[in-house]
Amino acid sequence: MPLQHIPASEELFKSGLLINTPVQARSNERVTALLDAAAKVVHDKGYEDLTTANVAEAAGASIGTVYRYFEDRVKVLEALAIRNLERTDRRFRDALEQVKGSAPNDAIDVMFEMYLDMFRTEPGFRSLRLGDVLDIRPRNRESRLTTAARTMTEQLSLRFGFANDAATVLEIEKSLVAVDAYLARAFFNDDRGDAVFIDAARASVMSLSSIAH
């Protein structure tokens, strides 16, 4: 099933971002359609220009439908960021399952190619990413790159010789921050990505092999 048509998740429903939690499949599909529409607007215009009105227009829905589930544009963006994090996690886990080797570099390559593919194929991802670009979240909430680094550390420790500890999480997060910045620049004006910055992003994760036991 294409990622863009995966129904809204339980994690989103538990986040408190939705005014009304869908209890029927049709309502779930409506929330999913609104998020798909928001992703298209972000892809076309950037997250700064997203409004509830253009989400409604892109979804072919009334503005009232948007406000039935989302208080404002900020909540839409936060919900889309949660979805981006979930899809990144899903793609990473699926990709690791396909790796035939067990060398750290095998896992590092998978991690990088997965994130690169998110920029190329996930609508709106290159602008919003995991949502850390939004200066609207409570200051006591951890960066979503930290969350992603923790998940990646757990998975890499199971098979690829990485320690599952705070030091490893920090090293992986540092690499993710660099990759995120390089790829954001790579896709600033290029749908396929500027090769110079993609190569710089790839080089920035190579040192991770040295932290595997």
N, C-alpha and C. Protein backbone atom coordinates (compact mmCIF):
# COMPACT_ATOMS: atom_id res chain seq x y z
N MET A 1 0.86 -1.19 0.00
CA MET A 1 0.00 0.00 0.00
C MET A 1 0.88 1.23 0.00
N PRO A 2 0.71 2.17 -0.94
CA PRO A 2 1.54 3.37 -0.98
C PRO A 2 1.47 4.12 0.34
N LEU A 3 2.60 4.68 0.76
CA LEU A 3 2.64 5.35 2.04
C LEU A 3 1.63 6.49 2.13
N GLN A 4 1.38 7.18 1.01
CA GLN A 4 0.50 8.34 1.08
C GLN A 4 -0.94 7.95 1.38
N HIS A 5 -1.26 6.67 1.32
CA HIS A 5 -2.64 6.26 1.57
C HIS A 5 -2.79 5.43 2.83
N ILE A 6 -1.73 5.39 3.66
CA ILE A 6 -1.84 4.70 4.94
C ILE A 6 -2.75 5.52 5.85
N PRO A 7 -3.72 4.89 6.52
CA PRO A 7 -4.64 5.63 7.38
C PRO A 7 -3.92 6.34 8.52
N ALA A 8 -4.56 7.38 9.04
CA ALA A 8 -4.01 8.09 10.19
C ALA A 8 -3.79 7.12 11.34
N SER A 9 -2.73 7.34 12.10
CA SER A 9 -2.29 6.37 13.09
C SER A 9 -2.87 6.61 14.47
N GLU A 10 -2.77 5.59 15.32
CA GLU A 10 -3.17 5.72 16.71
C GLU A 10 -2.33 6.76 17.43
N GLU A 11 -1.04 6.85 17.06
CA GLU A 11 -0.15 7.83 17.68
C GLU A 11 -0.66 9.24 17.47
N LEU A 12 -1.16 9.51 16.27
CA LEU A 12 -1.72 10.83 15.99
C LEU A 12 -2.96 11.07 16.84
N PHE A 13 -3.79 10.04 16.97
CA PHE A 13 -5.01 10.20 17.75
C PHE A 13 -4.71 10.46 19.23
N LYS A 14 -3.61 9.90 19.72
CA LYS A 14 -3.22 10.07 21.12
C LYS A 14 -2.47 11.37 21.37
N SER A 15 -2.10 12.09 20.31
CA SER A 15 -1.25 13.26 20.45
C SER A 15 -1.96 14.47 21.03
N GLY A 16 -3.28 14.47 20.98
CA GLY A 16 -4.03 15.63 21.44
C GLY A 16 -4.16 16.72 20.40
N LEU A 17 -3.67 16.48 19.18
CA LEU A 17 -3.74 17.49 18.13
C LEU A 17 -5.11 17.56 17.47
N LEU A 18 -5.85 16.46 17.52
CA LEU A 18 -7.15 16.41 16.86
C LEU A 18 -8.25 16.86 17.82
N ILE A 19 -9.13 17.71 17.33
CA ILE A 19 -10.27 18.14 18.13
C ILE A 19 -11.24 16.98 18.33
N ASN A 20 -11.49 16.25 17.24
CA ASN A 20 -12.35 15.07 17.29
C ASN A 20 -11.57 13.86 16.82
N THR A 21 -11.58 12.80 17.61
CA THR A 21 -10.89 11.58 17.24
C THR A 21 -11.80 10.72 16.38
N PRO A 22 -11.37 10.37 15.16
CA PRO A 22 -12.21 9.54 14.30
C PRO A 22 -12.49 8.19 14.93
N VAL A 23 -13.75 7.78 14.89
CA VAL A 23 -14.12 6.48 15.44
C VAL A 23 -14.63 5.54 14.36
N GLN A 24 -14.80 6.06 13.16
CA GLN A 24 -15.23 5.25 12.04
C GLN A 24 -14.20 5.33 10.91
N ALA A 25 -14.19 4.33 10.06
CA ALA A 25 -13.23 4.28 8.96
C ALA A 25 -13.37 5.50 8.06
N ARG A 26 -14.60 5.94 7.83
CA ARG A 26 -14.80 7.09 6.94
C ARG A 26 -14.16 8.35 7.51
N SER A 27 -14.28 8.54 8.83
CA SER A 27 -13.67 9.70 9.47
C SER A 27 -12.15 9.61 9.44
N ASN A 28 -11.63 8.40 9.63
CA ASN A 28 -10.19 8.19 9.55
C ASN A 28 -9.68 8.56 8.16
N GLU A 29 -10.41 8.13 7.15
CA GLU A 29 -10.03 8.44 5.78
C GLU A 29 -10.07 9.94 5.52
N ARG A 30 -11.00 10.64 6.18
CA ARG A 30 -11.11 12.08 5.99
C ARG A 30 -9.87 12.79 6.58
N VAL A 31 -9.45 12.36 7.76
CA VAL A 31 -8.24 12.93 8.36
C VAL A 31 -7.02 12.64 7.49
N THR A 32 -6.95 11.41 7.00
CA THR A 32 -5.84 11.04 6.11
C THR A 32 -5.83 11.91 4.87
N ALA A 33 -7.00 12.15 4.28
CA ALA A 33 -7.10 12.99 3.09
C ALA A 33 -6.68 14.42 3.38
N LEU A 34 -7.02 14.93 4.55
CA LEU A 34 -6.61 16.28 4.92
C LEU A 34 -5.10 16.37 5.06
N LEU A 35 -4.49 15.35 5.65
CA LEU A 35 -3.04 15.35 5.81
C LEU A 35 -2.34 15.18 4.46
N ASP A 36 -2.92 14.36 3.58
CA ASP A 36 -2.37 14.23 2.23
C ASP A 36 -2.42 15.57 1.51
N ALA A 37 -3.52 16.28 1.69
CA ALA A 37 -3.67 17.59 1.06
C ALA A 37 -2.67 18.58 1.64
N ALA A 38 -2.50 18.54 2.96
CA ALA A 38 -1.53 19.43 3.61
C ALA A 38 -0.12 19.15 3.10
N ALA A 39 0.21 17.87 2.93
CA ALA A 39 1.53 17.51 2.41
C ALA A 39 1.74 18.08 1.01
N LYS A 40 0.69 18.05 0.19
CA LYS A 40 0.80 18.60 -1.17
C LYS A 40 1.02 20.11 -1.14
N VAL A 41 0.30 20.79 -0.24
CA VAL A 41 0.47 22.24 -0.12
C VAL A 41 1.89 22.56 0.33
N VAL A 42 2.37 21.82 1.31
CA VAL A 42 3.73 22.05 1.81
C VAL A 42 4.75 21.79 0.71
N HIS A 43 4.51 20.74 -0.09
CA HIS A 43 5.42 20.43 -1.20
C HIS A 43 5.43 21.56 -2.24
N ASP A 44 4.25 22.09 -2.53
CA ASP A 44 4.14 23.10 -3.58
C ASP A 44 4.54 24.50 -3.12
N LYS A 45 4.23 24.83 -1.86
CA LYS A 45 4.37 26.20 -1.38
C LYS A 45 5.36 26.37 -0.23
N GLY A 46 5.67 25.26 0.48
CA GLY A 46 6.46 25.37 1.71
C GLY A 46 5.53 25.42 2.91
N TYR A 47 6.03 24.99 4.06
CA TYR A 47 5.15 24.93 5.23
C TYR A 47 4.74 26.32 5.73
N GLU A 48 5.55 27.35 5.45
CA GLU A 48 5.22 28.70 5.91
C GLU A 48 3.92 29.21 5.30
N ASP A 49 3.61 28.78 4.08
CA ASP A 49 2.42 29.28 3.38
C ASP A 49 1.21 28.36 3.51
N LEU A 50 1.32 27.34 4.34
CA LEU A 50 0.16 26.47 4.53
C LEU A 50 -0.90 27.19 5.37
N THR A 51 -2.14 27.12 4.90
CA THR A 51 -3.27 27.67 5.65
C THR A 51 -4.37 26.61 5.70
N THR A 52 -5.29 26.78 6.61
CA THR A 52 -6.43 25.85 6.65
C THR A 52 -7.25 25.97 5.39
N ALA A 53 -7.29 27.16 4.80
CA ALA A 53 -8.07 27.36 3.57
C ALA A 53 -7.47 26.59 2.40
N ASN A 54 -6.13 26.65 2.24
CA ASN A 54 -5.58 25.92 1.09
C ASN A 54 -5.51 24.41 1.34
N VAL A 55 -5.52 24.00 2.61
CA VAL A 55 -5.67 22.56 2.88
C VAL A 55 -7.04 22.10 2.45
N ALA A 56 -8.07 22.85 2.81
CA ALA A 56 -9.43 22.50 2.40
C ALA A 56 -9.56 22.45 0.89
N GLU A 57 -8.99 23.44 0.22
CA GLU A 57 -9.07 23.48 -1.25
C GLU A 57 -8.37 22.28 -1.87
N ALA A 58 -7.17 21.96 -1.39
CA ALA A 58 -6.42 20.84 -1.94
C ALA A 58 -7.12 19.51 -1.68
N ALA A 59 -7.86 19.42 -0.57
CA ALA A 59 -8.56 18.19 -0.22
C ALA A 59 -9.93 18.10 -0.87
N GLY A 60 -10.39 19.18 -1.48
CA GLY A 60 -11.73 19.20 -2.04
C GLY A 60 -12.78 19.14 -0.95
N ALA A 61 -12.47 19.77 0.18
CA ALA A 61 -13.36 19.73 1.35
C ALA A 61 -13.71 21.16 1.75
N SER A 62 -14.66 21.27 2.64
CA SER A 62 -15.03 22.59 3.16
C SER A 62 -14.05 22.98 4.27
N ILE A 63 -13.96 24.28 4.53
CA ILE A 63 -13.10 24.75 5.61
C ILE A 63 -13.61 24.22 6.95
N GLY A 64 -14.91 24.00 7.03
CA GLY A 64 -15.48 23.45 8.26
C GLY A 64 -14.98 22.04 8.55
N THR A 65 -14.72 21.27 7.48
CA THR A 65 -14.19 19.92 7.67
C THR A 65 -12.80 19.97 8.30
N VAL A 66 -11.98 20.92 7.86
CA VAL A 66 -10.65 21.07 8.45
C VAL A 66 -10.78 21.41 9.93
N TYR A 67 -11.64 22.37 10.24
CA TYR A 67 -11.79 22.81 11.63
C TYR A 67 -12.51 21.78 12.50
N ARG A 68 -13.12 20.82 11.89
CA ARG A 68 -13.74 19.75 12.67
C ARG A 68 -12.66 18.92 13.36
N TYR A 69 -11.50 18.84 12.74
CA TYR A 69 -10.43 17.99 13.28
C TYR A 69 -9.23 18.78 13.78
N PHE A 70 -8.97 19.96 13.21
CA PHE A 70 -7.77 20.71 13.56
C PHE A 70 -8.12 22.13 13.99
N GLU A 71 -7.55 22.54 15.11
CA GLU A 71 -7.84 23.87 15.64
C GLU A 71 -7.32 24.97 14.74
N ASP A 72 -6.15 24.76 14.15
CA ASP A 72 -5.54 25.79 13.30
C ASP A 72 -4.46 25.16 12.43
N ARG A 73 -3.77 25.98 11.63
CA ARG A 73 -2.74 25.49 10.73
C ARG A 73 -1.56 24.86 11.47
N VAL A 74 -1.27 25.37 12.66
CA VAL A 74 -0.17 24.83 13.45
C VAL A 74 -0.42 23.37 13.80
N LYS A 75 -1.64 23.06 14.18
CA LYS A 75 -1.98 21.68 14.53
C LYS A 75 -1.90 20.78 13.30
N VAL A 76 -2.23 21.30 12.14
CA VAL A 76 -2.11 20.52 10.91
C VAL A 76 -0.64 20.19 10.65
N LEU A 77 0.22 21.18 10.80
CA LEU A 77 1.65 20.97 10.57
C LEU A 77 2.24 19.99 11.57
N GLU A 78 1.83 20.11 12.82
CA GLU A 78 2.32 19.19 13.84
C GLU A 78 1.88 17.76 13.55
N ALA A 79 0.64 17.60 13.11
CA ALA A 79 0.13 16.27 12.77
C ALA A 79 0.91 15.70 11.58
N LEU A 80 1.20 16.54 10.60
CA LEU A 80 1.96 16.09 9.44
C LEU A 80 3.38 15.71 9.84
N ALA A 81 3.97 16.43 10.80
CA ALA A 81 5.31 16.10 11.29
C ALA A 81 5.32 14.75 12.00
N ILE A 82 4.27 14.47 12.78
CA ILE A 82 4.16 13.17 13.43
C ILE A 82 4.09 12.07 12.38
N ARG A 83 3.31 12.31 11.34
CA ARG A 83 3.21 11.31 10.28
C ARG A 83 4.55 11.11 9.58
N ASN A 84 5.29 12.18 9.35
CA ASN A 84 6.60 12.06 8.73
C ASN A 84 7.54 11.22 9.59
N LEU A 85 7.51 11.44 10.90
CA LEU A 85 8.36 10.66 11.80
C LEU A 85 7.98 9.19 11.75
N GLU A 86 6.69 8.90 11.76
CA GLU A 86 6.23 7.51 11.71
C GLU A 86 6.63 6.84 10.40
N ARG A 87 6.53 7.55 9.30
CA ARG A 87 6.88 6.96 8.02
C ARG A 87 8.38 6.76 7.88
N THR A 88 9.16 7.69 8.45
CA THR A 88 10.61 7.51 8.46
C THR A 88 10.98 6.26 9.25
N ASP A 89 10.36 6.10 10.40
CA ASP A 89 10.61 4.92 11.24
C ASP A 89 10.22 3.64 10.51
N ARG A 90 9.08 3.65 9.85
CA ARG A 90 8.61 2.45 9.14
C ARG A 90 9.54 2.09 7.99
N ARG A 91 9.95 3.09 7.24
CA ARG A 91 10.85 2.83 6.12
C ARG A 91 12.20 2.31 6.60
N PHE A 92 12.69 2.86 7.69
CA PHE A 92 13.98 2.43 8.22
C PHE A 92 13.92 0.97 8.66
N ARG A 93 12.89 0.60 9.40
CA ARG A 93 12.75 -0.79 9.87
C ARG A 93 12.60 -1.75 8.68
N ASP A 94 11.79 -1.36 7.70
CA ASP A 94 11.60 -2.22 6.53
C ASP A 94 12.90 -2.39 5.75
N ALA A 95 13.67 -1.30 5.62
CA ALA A 95 14.92 -1.36 4.87
C ALA A 95 15.94 -2.24 5.57
N LEU A 96 16.01 -2.15 6.91
CA LEU A 96 16.97 -2.98 7.65
C LEU A 96 16.68 -4.47 7.46
N GLU A 97 15.41 -4.80 7.35
CA GLU A 97 15.04 -6.21 7.17
C GLU A 97 15.55 -6.77 5.85
N GLN A 98 15.81 -5.88 4.89
CA GLN A 98 16.26 -6.33 3.57
C GLN A 98 17.78 -6.42 3.46
N VAL A 99 18.49 -5.93 4.47
CA VAL A 99 19.96 -5.95 4.43
C VAL A 99 20.45 -7.37 4.60
N LYS A 100 21.30 -7.83 3.69
CA LYS A 100 21.79 -9.21 3.75
C LYS A 100 23.04 -9.35 4.62
N GLY A 101 23.86 -8.30 4.67
CA GLY A 101 25.07 -8.38 5.46
C GLY A 101 24.85 -7.97 6.91
N SER A 102 25.93 -7.96 7.68
CA SER A 102 25.83 -7.58 9.08
C SER A 102 26.89 -6.55 9.46
N ALA A 103 27.64 -6.03 8.46
CA ALA A 103 28.66 -5.03 8.73
C ALA A 103 28.00 -3.69 9.03
N PRO A 104 28.59 -2.90 9.93
CA PRO A 104 28.02 -1.59 10.25
C PRO A 104 27.76 -0.72 9.03
N ASN A 105 28.68 -0.75 8.05
CA ASN A 105 28.50 0.08 6.86
C ASN A 105 27.24 -0.29 6.08
N ASP A 106 26.84 -1.57 6.16
CA ASP A 106 25.60 -1.99 5.50
C ASP A 106 24.42 -1.22 6.08
N ALA A 107 24.39 -1.14 7.40
CA ALA A 107 23.30 -0.46 8.08
C ALA A 107 23.35 1.05 7.86
N ILE A 108 24.55 1.61 7.86
CA ILE A 108 24.71 3.05 7.64
C ILE A 108 24.22 3.43 6.26
N ASP A 109 24.56 2.62 5.26
CA ASP A 109 24.09 2.88 3.89
C ASP A 109 22.57 2.86 3.82
N VAL A 110 21.97 1.88 4.49
CA VAL A 110 20.51 1.77 4.51
C VAL A 110 19.89 3.00 5.15
N MET A 111 20.45 3.42 6.29
CA MET A 111 19.92 4.57 7.00
C MET A 111 19.97 5.82 6.13
N PHE A 112 21.09 6.01 5.45
CA PHE A 112 21.23 7.20 4.61
C PHE A 112 20.30 7.14 3.40
N GLU A 113 20.27 6.02 2.70
CA GLU A 113 19.44 5.92 1.50
C GLU A 113 17.96 6.05 1.83
N MET A 114 17.56 5.53 2.98
CA MET A 114 16.17 5.67 3.40
C MET A 114 15.81 7.14 3.58
N TYR A 115 16.67 7.89 4.27
CA TYR A 115 16.37 9.30 4.53
C TYR A 115 16.40 10.10 3.23
N LEU A 116 17.34 9.80 2.36
CA LEU A 116 17.40 10.45 1.06
C LEU A 116 16.12 10.19 0.27
N ASP A 117 15.62 8.96 0.32
CA ASP A 117 14.41 8.61 -0.42
C ASP A 117 13.19 9.35 0.13
N MET A 118 13.17 9.63 1.43
CA MET A 118 12.08 10.42 2.00
C MET A 118 12.04 11.81 1.35
N PHE A 119 13.20 12.42 1.15
CA PHE A 119 13.26 13.73 0.51
C PHE A 119 12.76 13.65 -0.94
N ARG A 120 13.03 12.55 -1.60
CA ARG A 120 12.68 12.42 -3.01
C ARG A 120 11.23 12.03 -3.24
N THR A 121 10.64 11.27 -2.33
CA THR A 121 9.35 10.66 -2.63
C THR A 121 8.21 11.03 -1.70
N GLU A 122 8.50 11.50 -0.51
CA GLU A 122 7.42 11.79 0.45
C GLU A 122 6.97 13.24 0.27
N PRO A 123 5.72 13.47 -0.15
CA PRO A 123 5.25 14.84 -0.39
C PRO A 123 5.43 15.73 0.83
N GLY A 124 6.05 16.88 0.62
CA GLY A 124 6.22 17.86 1.68
C GLY A 124 7.36 17.62 2.63
N PHE A 125 8.02 16.45 2.52
CA PHE A 125 9.03 16.09 3.52
C PHE A 125 10.23 17.02 3.46
N ARG A 126 10.65 17.41 2.26
CA ARG A 126 11.88 18.20 2.13
C ARG A 126 11.74 19.56 2.78
N SER A 127 10.52 20.03 2.96
CA SER A 127 10.30 21.32 3.62
C SER A 127 10.09 21.16 5.12
N LEU A 128 9.21 20.25 5.50
CA LEU A 128 8.84 20.09 6.91
C LEU A 128 9.73 19.10 7.66
N ARG A 129 10.18 18.05 6.94
CA ARG A 129 10.96 16.96 7.53
C ARG A 129 10.25 16.39 8.77
N LEU A 130 10.95 16.25 9.89
CA LEU A 130 10.34 15.67 11.09
C LEU A 130 9.69 16.73 11.97
N GLY A 131 9.68 17.96 11.52
CA GLY A 131 8.99 19.02 12.24
C GLY A 131 9.86 19.89 13.11
N ASP A 132 11.15 19.58 13.21
CA ASP A 132 12.02 20.39 14.06
C ASP A 132 12.23 21.80 13.51
N VAL A 133 11.92 22.00 12.24
CA VAL A 133 12.04 23.34 11.65
C VAL A 133 10.96 24.28 12.19
N LEU A 134 9.91 23.73 12.77
CA LEU A 134 8.82 24.55 13.29
C LEU A 134 9.20 25.09 14.67
N ASP A 135 9.18 26.39 14.82
CA ASP A 135 9.52 27.00 16.11
C ASP A 135 8.24 27.23 16.91
N ILE A 136 7.46 26.15 17.06
CA ILE A 136 6.14 26.30 17.69
C ILE A 136 5.90 25.25 18.77
N ARG A 137 6.86 24.35 18.96
CA ARG A 137 6.64 23.26 19.91
C ARG A 137 7.05 23.67 21.32
N PRO A 138 6.43 23.08 22.35
CA PRO A 138 6.86 23.38 23.72
C PRO A 138 8.34 23.10 23.89
N ARG A 139 9.03 23.94 24.63
CA ARG A 139 10.47 23.82 24.77
C ARG A 139 10.88 22.58 25.56
N ASN A 140 9.95 21.98 26.29
CA ASN A 140 10.31 20.79 27.06
C ASN A 140 10.12 19.49 26.29
N ARG A 141 9.78 19.59 24.99
CA ARG A 141 9.62 18.40 24.18
C ARG A 141 10.92 18.15 23.40
N GLU A 142 11.36 16.90 23.38
CA GLU A 142 12.62 16.61 22.71
C GLU A 142 12.51 16.75 21.20
N SER A 143 13.64 17.02 20.59
CA SER A 143 13.71 17.09 19.14
C SER A 143 13.27 15.76 18.54
N ARG A 144 12.58 15.82 17.41
CA ARG A 144 12.18 14.57 16.76
C ARG A 144 13.38 13.87 16.14
N LEU A 145 14.44 14.60 15.86
CA LEU A 145 15.67 13.93 15.42
C LEU A 145 16.26 13.11 16.57
N THR A 146 16.07 13.56 17.80
CA THR A 146 16.49 12.75 18.96
C THR A 146 15.66 11.48 19.03
N THR A 147 14.37 11.62 18.83
CA THR A 147 13.48 10.45 18.84
C THR A 147 13.89 9.46 17.76
N ALA A 148 14.16 9.97 16.55
CA ALA A 148 14.57 9.11 15.45
C ALA A 148 15.90 8.44 15.76
N ALA A 149 16.84 9.19 16.35
CA ALA A 149 18.15 8.63 16.68
C ALA A 149 18.03 7.51 17.70
N ARG A 150 17.14 7.68 18.67
CA ARG A 150 16.95 6.64 19.68
C ARG A 150 16.39 5.36 19.05
N THR A 151 15.41 5.52 18.18
CA THR A 151 14.84 4.36 17.51
C THR A 151 15.88 3.66 16.64
N MET A 152 16.65 4.45 15.91
CA MET A 152 17.68 3.87 15.04
C MET A 152 18.74 3.14 15.86
N THR A 153 19.12 3.71 16.98
CA THR A 153 20.11 3.06 17.85
C THR A 153 19.61 1.70 18.33
N GLU A 154 18.35 1.66 18.74
CA GLU A 154 17.77 0.39 19.20
C GLU A 154 17.82 -0.67 18.11
N GLN A 155 17.46 -0.29 16.90
CA GLN A 155 17.43 -1.25 15.80
C GLN A 155 18.85 -1.65 15.36
N LEU A 156 19.76 -0.70 15.31
CA LEU A 156 21.13 -0.99 14.89
C LEU A 156 21.86 -1.86 15.91
N SER A 157 21.47 -1.76 17.15
CA SER A 157 22.14 -2.56 18.19
C SER A 157 21.75 -4.04 18.11
N LEU A 158 20.60 -4.33 17.54
CA LEU A 158 20.10 -5.70 17.51
C LEU A 158 20.93 -6.61 16.61
N ARG A 159 21.53 -6.02 15.57
CA ARG A 159 22.16 -6.87 14.57
C ARG A 159 23.49 -6.36 14.04
N PHE A 160 23.74 -5.07 14.20
CA PHE A 160 24.89 -4.49 13.51
C PHE A 160 26.02 -4.04 14.44
N GLY A 161 26.01 -4.44 15.70
CA GLY A 161 27.14 -4.18 16.57
C GLY A 161 27.19 -2.81 17.20
N PHE A 162 26.08 -2.06 17.16
CA PHE A 162 26.05 -0.76 17.79
C PHE A 162 25.60 -0.91 19.25
N ALA A 163 26.26 -0.18 20.14
CA ALA A 163 25.84 -0.18 21.54
C ALA A 163 24.53 0.59 21.68
N ASN A 164 23.65 0.10 22.53
CA ASN A 164 22.39 0.79 22.78
C ASN A 164 22.53 1.64 24.03
N ASP A 165 23.19 2.79 23.88
CA ASP A 165 23.43 3.65 25.03
C ASP A 165 23.33 5.11 24.59
N ALA A 166 23.39 6.01 25.58
CA ALA A 166 23.20 7.43 25.32
C ALA A 166 24.27 7.99 24.39
N ALA A 167 25.51 7.50 24.53
CA ALA A 167 26.60 8.00 23.69
C ALA A 167 26.35 7.68 22.22
N THR A 168 25.84 6.48 21.95
CA THR A 168 25.55 6.09 20.57
C THR A 168 24.38 6.90 20.02
N VAL A 169 23.35 7.09 20.84
CA VAL A 169 22.22 7.92 20.41
C VAL A 169 22.70 9.31 20.02
N LEU A 170 23.60 9.88 20.82
CA LEU A 170 24.11 11.22 20.53
C LEU A 170 24.88 11.25 19.22
N GLU A 171 25.73 10.25 18.98
CA GLU A 171 26.51 10.23 17.75
C GLU A 171 25.61 10.08 16.53
N ILE A 172 24.59 9.23 16.64
CA ILE A 172 23.66 9.06 15.52
C ILE A 172 22.84 10.33 15.31
N GLU A 173 22.44 10.97 16.40
CA GLU A 173 21.68 12.22 16.25
C GLU A 173 22.54 13.30 15.59
N LYS A 174 23.82 13.40 15.97
CA LYS A 174 24.71 14.38 15.34
C LYS A 174 24.80 14.15 13.84
N SER A 175 24.87 12.88 13.44
CA SER A 175 24.92 12.57 12.01
C SER A 175 23.60 12.91 11.33
N LEU A 176 22.49 12.63 12.01
CA LEU A 176 21.18 12.96 11.44
C LEU A 176 21.01 14.46 11.25
N VAL A 177 21.49 15.24 12.21
CA VAL A 177 21.40 16.71 12.09
C VAL A 177 22.16 17.18 10.86
N ALA A 178 23.36 16.63 10.65
CA ALA A 178 24.17 17.02 9.49
C ALA A 178 23.50 16.57 8.19
N VAL A 179 23.03 15.33 8.14
CA VAL A 179 22.37 14.81 6.95
C VAL A 179 21.12 15.63 6.63
N ASP A 180 20.34 15.94 7.66
CA ASP A 180 19.11 16.71 7.48
C ASP A 180 19.42 18.07 6.87
N ALA A 181 20.46 18.73 7.37
CA ALA A 181 20.81 20.06 6.86
C ALA A 181 21.34 19.98 5.43
N TYR A 182 22.21 19.04 5.16
CA TYR A 182 22.77 18.90 3.81
C TYR A 182 21.68 18.57 2.79
N LEU A 183 20.77 17.65 3.15
CA LEU A 183 19.75 17.26 2.20
C LEU A 183 18.71 18.37 2.00
N ALA A 184 18.44 19.13 3.05
CA ALA A 184 17.54 20.28 2.88
C ALA A 184 18.11 21.24 1.85
N ARG A 185 19.41 21.45 1.90
CA ARG A 185 20.06 22.31 0.90
C ARG A 185 20.08 21.64 -0.48
N ALA A 186 20.31 20.34 -0.52
CA ALA A 186 20.38 19.62 -1.79
C ALA A 186 19.07 19.71 -2.56
N PHE A 187 17.94 19.73 -1.84
CA PHE A 187 16.64 19.72 -2.50
C PHE A 187 15.98 21.10 -2.51
N PHE A 188 16.75 22.13 -2.20
CA PHE A 188 16.18 23.48 -2.14
C PHE A 188 15.60 23.91 -3.48
N ASN A 189 16.32 23.63 -4.56
CA ASN A 189 15.85 24.02 -5.90
C ASN A 189 15.94 22.88 -6.90
N ASP A 190 16.02 21.65 -6.41
CA ASP A 190 16.28 20.52 -7.30
C ASP A 190 15.48 19.31 -6.83
N ASP A 191 14.52 18.87 -7.62
CA ASP A 191 13.66 17.76 -7.22
C ASP A 191 14.41 16.44 -7.06
N ARG A 192 15.54 16.30 -7.78
CA ARG A 192 16.34 15.08 -7.62
C ARG A 192 17.45 15.25 -6.60
N GLY A 193 17.74 16.47 -6.25
CA GLY A 193 18.77 16.73 -5.26
C GLY A 193 20.11 17.08 -5.89
N ASP A 194 20.74 18.12 -5.39
CA ASP A 194 22.06 18.53 -5.85
C ASP A 194 23.09 17.50 -5.39
N ALA A 195 23.79 16.89 -6.35
CA ALA A 195 24.72 15.80 -6.05
C ALA A 195 25.83 16.22 -5.09
N VAL A 196 26.27 17.47 -5.18
CA VAL A 196 27.35 17.94 -4.31
C VAL A 196 26.94 17.85 -2.85
N PHE A 197 25.73 18.28 -2.54
CA PHE A 197 25.27 18.27 -1.15
C PHE A 197 24.81 16.88 -0.72
N ILE A 198 24.32 16.08 -1.65
CA ILE A 198 23.99 14.70 -1.32
C ILE A 198 25.26 13.94 -0.94
N ASP A 199 26.33 14.14 -1.70
CA ASP A 199 27.60 13.48 -1.38
C ASP A 199 28.14 13.96 -0.04
N ALA A 200 27.97 15.24 0.26
CA ALA A 200 28.41 15.76 1.56
C ALA A 200 27.62 15.13 2.69
N ALA A 201 26.32 14.95 2.45
CA ALA A 201 25.47 14.30 3.46
C ALA A 201 25.90 12.86 3.68
N ARG A 202 26.18 12.16 2.59
CA ARG A 202 26.61 10.76 2.68
C ARG A 202 27.93 10.65 3.44
N ALA A 203 28.85 11.54 3.15
CA ALA A 203 30.15 11.51 3.82
C ALA A 203 30.02 11.77 5.32
N SER A 204 29.01 12.55 5.70
CA SER A 204 28.86 12.92 7.11
C SER A 204 28.44 11.75 7.99
N VAL A 205 27.92 10.67 7.40
CA VAL A 205 27.49 9.53 8.22
C VAL A 205 28.51 8.40 8.24
N MET A 206 29.56 8.51 7.45
CA MET A 206 30.54 7.43 7.35
C MET A 206 31.27 7.15 8.65
N SER A 207 31.43 8.19 9.47
CA SER A 207 32.15 8.00 10.74
C SER A 207 31.39 7.12 11.73
N LEU A 208 30.10 6.90 11.47
CA LEU A 208 29.30 6.11 12.41
C LEU A 208 29.80 4.65 12.51
N SER A 209 30.44 4.16 11.47
CA SER A 209 30.93 2.78 11.51
C SER A 209 31.95 2.58 12.61
N SER A 210 32.61 3.66 13.02
CA SER A 210 33.67 3.54 14.04
C SER A 210 33.10 3.36 15.45
N ILE A 211 31.80 3.64 15.64
CA ILE A 211 31.24 3.50 16.98
C ILE A 211 30.61 2.14 17.21
N ALA A 212 30.58 1.30 16.16
CA ALA A 212 30.06 -0.07 16.31
C ALA A 212 31.11 -0.93 17.00
N HIS A 213 30.68 -1.81 17.85
CA HIS A 213 31.61 -2.69 18.57
C HIS A 213 32.07 -3.83 17.65
